[in-house]
Amino acid sequence: MPAENSPIKALEQRLSDIVSIKLKDDRIFRGRLTRCDQYMNLTLGDAVELENDETKAKYGSILIRGNNILWIQIPE
């Protein structure tokens, strides 16, 4: 896969956008993507945990380890 088409590059182009992330344990977080690295570890600002599309908890800034991520939804 060419470097310009890698998932990391796609995330880097979406820094400061609101993203939704589902973890392997079925929790969903939404927040502003502030940082990502080569292991797909992500930091979100203004992060909230969602349950049934309702806010369950507010966290502010959080770090999500890449190996816990099931999927990432980015805006089009």
N, C-alpha and C. Protein backbone atom coordinates (compact mmCIF):
# COMPACT_ATOMS: atom_id res chain seq x y z
N MET A 1 0.85 -1.19 0.00
CA MET A 1 0.00 0.00 0.00
C MET A 1 0.89 1.24 0.00
N PRO A 2 0.70 2.14 -0.95
CA PRO A 2 1.50 3.37 -0.97
C PRO A 2 1.28 4.19 0.30
N ALA A 3 2.33 4.86 0.75
CA ALA A 3 2.26 5.62 2.01
C ALA A 3 1.16 6.68 1.99
N GLU A 4 0.90 7.29 0.83
CA GLU A 4 -0.11 8.35 0.79
C GLU A 4 -1.53 7.80 0.96
N ASN A 5 -1.72 6.48 0.82
CA ASN A 5 -3.04 5.87 0.99
C ASN A 5 -3.18 5.11 2.30
N SER A 6 -2.25 5.26 3.21
CA SER A 6 -2.28 4.51 4.46
C SER A 6 -3.35 5.06 5.41
N PRO A 7 -3.86 4.21 6.28
CA PRO A 7 -4.86 4.68 7.26
C PRO A 7 -4.32 5.80 8.16
N ILE A 8 -3.04 5.73 8.48
CA ILE A 8 -2.43 6.77 9.34
C ILE A 8 -2.49 8.13 8.63
N LYS A 9 -2.16 8.16 7.36
CA LYS A 9 -2.21 9.42 6.60
C LYS A 9 -3.64 9.95 6.54
N ALA A 10 -4.61 9.06 6.37
CA ALA A 10 -6.02 9.49 6.35
C ALA A 10 -6.40 10.12 7.68
N LEU A 11 -5.94 9.54 8.79
CA LEU A 11 -6.23 10.12 10.11
C LEU A 11 -5.51 11.45 10.29
N GLU A 12 -4.26 11.52 9.86
CA GLU A 12 -3.51 12.77 10.00
C GLU A 12 -4.18 13.92 9.26
N GLN A 13 -4.84 13.62 8.15
CA GLN A 13 -5.53 14.65 7.39
C GLN A 13 -6.82 15.09 8.09
N ARG A 14 -7.28 14.32 9.07
CA ARG A 14 -8.52 14.63 9.78
C ARG A 14 -8.28 15.15 11.19
N LEU A 15 -7.04 15.52 11.50
CA LEU A 15 -6.77 16.09 12.83
C LEU A 15 -7.66 17.30 13.03
N SER A 16 -8.24 17.41 14.18
CA SER A 16 -9.17 18.45 14.64
C SER A 16 -10.61 18.19 14.20
N ASP A 17 -10.87 17.11 13.46
CA ASP A 17 -12.25 16.74 13.12
C ASP A 17 -12.84 15.88 14.23
N ILE A 18 -14.16 15.86 14.30
CA ILE A 18 -14.86 15.00 15.26
C ILE A 18 -14.93 13.59 14.66
N VAL A 19 -14.48 12.60 15.45
CA VAL A 19 -14.51 11.20 15.01
C VAL A 19 -15.23 10.36 16.06
N SER A 20 -15.74 9.22 15.62
CA SER A 20 -16.32 8.23 16.53
C SER A 20 -15.45 6.99 16.46
N ILE A 21 -15.22 6.38 17.62
CA ILE A 21 -14.35 5.22 17.71
C ILE A 21 -15.06 4.14 18.52
N LYS A 22 -15.13 2.95 17.95
CA LYS A 22 -15.70 1.81 18.69
C LYS A 22 -14.55 0.92 19.12
N LEU A 23 -14.56 0.54 20.40
CA LEU A 23 -13.52 -0.32 20.93
C LEU A 23 -13.96 -1.78 20.87
N LYS A 24 -13.02 -2.68 21.06
CA LYS A 24 -13.30 -4.10 21.02
C LYS A 24 -14.27 -4.53 22.12
N ASP A 25 -14.35 -3.76 23.20
CA ASP A 25 -15.30 -4.09 24.28
C ASP A 25 -16.66 -3.43 24.07
N ASP A 26 -16.94 -2.96 22.85
CA ASP A 26 -18.21 -2.38 22.41
C ASP A 26 -18.48 -0.96 22.92
N ARG A 27 -17.54 -0.34 23.61
CA ARG A 27 -17.75 1.05 24.00
C ARG A 27 -17.49 1.95 22.80
N ILE A 28 -18.21 3.07 22.73
CA ILE A 28 -18.06 4.03 21.65
C ILE A 28 -17.70 5.39 22.25
N PHE A 29 -16.68 6.01 21.68
CA PHE A 29 -16.24 7.33 22.10
C PHE A 29 -16.33 8.27 20.91
N ARG A 30 -16.66 9.52 21.20
CA ARG A 30 -16.69 10.55 20.16
C ARG A 30 -15.93 11.76 20.70
N GLY A 31 -15.13 12.36 19.83
CA GLY A 31 -14.38 13.54 20.24
C GLY A 31 -13.56 14.09 19.09
N ARG A 32 -12.85 15.17 19.38
CA ARG A 32 -12.02 15.84 18.38
C ARG A 32 -10.67 15.14 18.33
N LEU A 33 -10.31 14.63 17.16
CA LEU A 33 -9.03 13.94 16.99
C LEU A 33 -7.90 14.95 17.11
N THR A 34 -7.05 14.75 18.11
CA THR A 34 -5.96 15.71 18.34
C THR A 34 -4.58 15.15 18.00
N ARG A 35 -4.46 13.82 17.99
CA ARG A 35 -3.14 13.23 17.71
C ARG A 35 -3.30 11.77 17.32
N CYS A 36 -2.40 11.30 16.45
CA CYS A 36 -2.34 9.87 16.14
C CYS A 36 -0.87 9.53 15.87
N ASP A 37 -0.54 8.25 16.07
CA ASP A 37 0.84 7.83 15.82
C ASP A 37 0.86 6.59 14.92
N GLN A 38 2.05 6.07 14.68
CA GLN A 38 2.22 4.95 13.75
C GLN A 38 1.54 3.68 14.21
N TYR A 39 1.21 3.57 15.52
CA TYR A 39 0.52 2.39 16.05
C TYR A 39 -0.99 2.60 16.11
N MET A 40 -1.44 3.71 15.58
CA MET A 40 -2.83 4.12 15.58
C MET A 40 -3.36 4.40 17.00
N ASN A 41 -2.44 4.73 17.92
CA ASN A 41 -2.86 5.28 19.21
C ASN A 41 -3.42 6.66 18.91
N LEU A 42 -4.55 6.98 19.50
CA LEU A 42 -5.22 8.24 19.21
C LEU A 42 -5.48 9.01 20.49
N THR A 43 -5.45 10.32 20.41
CA THR A 43 -5.94 11.15 21.50
C THR A 43 -7.14 11.94 20.99
N LEU A 44 -8.13 12.04 21.83
CA LEU A 44 -9.34 12.79 21.53
C LEU A 44 -9.49 13.90 22.56
N GLY A 45 -9.89 15.06 22.12
CA GLY A 45 -10.24 16.16 23.00
C GLY A 45 -11.76 16.26 23.07
N ASP A 46 -12.28 16.80 24.16
CA ASP A 46 -13.73 16.93 24.36
C ASP A 46 -14.43 15.59 24.16
N ALA A 47 -13.80 14.52 24.65
CA ALA A 47 -14.30 13.17 24.42
C ALA A 47 -15.49 12.84 25.31
N VAL A 48 -16.43 12.11 24.72
CA VAL A 48 -17.57 11.59 25.46
C VAL A 48 -17.72 10.11 25.14
N GLU A 49 -18.22 9.36 26.12
CA GLU A 49 -18.57 7.96 25.89
C GLU A 49 -20.05 7.91 25.60
N LEU A 50 -20.42 7.17 24.56
CA LEU A 50 -21.81 7.10 24.15
C LEU A 50 -22.40 5.73 24.46
N GLU A 51 -23.67 5.72 24.77
CA GLU A 51 -24.42 4.49 24.94
C GLU A 51 -25.79 4.73 24.33
N ASN A 52 -26.15 3.97 23.30
CA ASN A 52 -27.40 4.17 22.58
C ASN A 52 -27.52 5.61 22.06
N ASP A 53 -26.44 6.13 21.52
CA ASP A 53 -26.37 7.49 20.97
C ASP A 53 -26.62 8.59 22.00
N GLU A 54 -26.56 8.26 23.27
CA GLU A 54 -26.70 9.23 24.36
C GLU A 54 -25.37 9.33 25.10
N THR A 55 -25.05 10.52 25.60
CA THR A 55 -23.82 10.70 26.35
C THR A 55 -23.91 9.97 27.68
N LYS A 56 -22.96 9.05 27.90
CA LYS A 56 -22.90 8.29 29.14
C LYS A 56 -21.93 8.96 30.12
N ALA A 57 -20.80 9.47 29.59
CA ALA A 57 -19.79 10.11 30.43
C ALA A 57 -18.99 11.09 29.58
N LYS A 58 -18.50 12.16 30.23
CA LYS A 58 -17.64 13.15 29.58
C LYS A 58 -16.25 13.02 30.18
N TYR A 59 -15.24 12.99 29.31
CA TYR A 59 -13.87 12.76 29.77
C TYR A 59 -12.91 13.90 29.49
N GLY A 60 -13.21 14.79 28.61
CA GLY A 60 -12.21 15.79 28.22
C GLY A 60 -11.24 15.15 27.26
N SER A 61 -9.95 15.08 27.62
CA SER A 61 -8.94 14.46 26.77
C SER A 61 -8.71 13.01 27.18
N ILE A 62 -8.64 12.12 26.18
CA ILE A 62 -8.37 10.72 26.46
C ILE A 62 -7.39 10.17 25.42
N LEU A 63 -6.70 9.11 25.81
CA LEU A 63 -5.81 8.37 24.93
C LEU A 63 -6.44 7.00 24.70
N ILE A 64 -6.53 6.60 23.44
CA ILE A 64 -7.05 5.29 23.09
C ILE A 64 -5.95 4.52 22.38
N ARG A 65 -5.62 3.36 22.93
CA ARG A 65 -4.57 2.54 22.33
C ARG A 65 -5.08 1.90 21.05
N GLY A 66 -4.25 1.92 20.03
CA GLY A 66 -4.63 1.42 18.72
C GLY A 66 -5.06 -0.04 18.72
N ASN A 67 -4.47 -0.87 19.60
CA ASN A 67 -4.82 -2.28 19.59
C ASN A 67 -6.20 -2.55 20.20
N ASN A 68 -6.86 -1.54 20.75
CA ASN A 68 -8.21 -1.70 21.30
C ASN A 68 -9.29 -1.24 20.34
N ILE A 69 -8.91 -0.67 19.20
CA ILE A 69 -9.87 -0.06 18.28
C ILE A 69 -10.46 -1.11 17.33
N LEU A 70 -11.79 -1.14 17.26
CA LEU A 70 -12.49 -2.00 16.32
C LEU A 70 -12.71 -1.25 15.01
N TRP A 71 -13.24 -0.01 15.10
CA TRP A 71 -13.42 0.83 13.91
C TRP A 71 -13.36 2.29 14.29
N ILE A 72 -13.10 3.11 13.26
CA ILE A 72 -13.07 4.57 13.40
C ILE A 72 -13.97 5.14 12.33
N GLN A 73 -14.88 6.01 12.73
CA GLN A 73 -15.75 6.68 11.77
C GLN A 73 -15.31 8.14 11.68
N ILE A 74 -14.95 8.55 10.45
CA ILE A 74 -14.53 9.93 10.24
C ILE A 74 -15.55 10.60 9.32
N PRO A 75 -15.72 11.93 9.46
CA PRO A 75 -16.69 12.62 8.62
C PRO A 75 -16.27 12.62 7.16
N GLU A 76 -17.24 12.72 6.28
CA GLU A 76 -16.93 12.75 4.83
C GLU A 76 -16.71 14.16 4.36
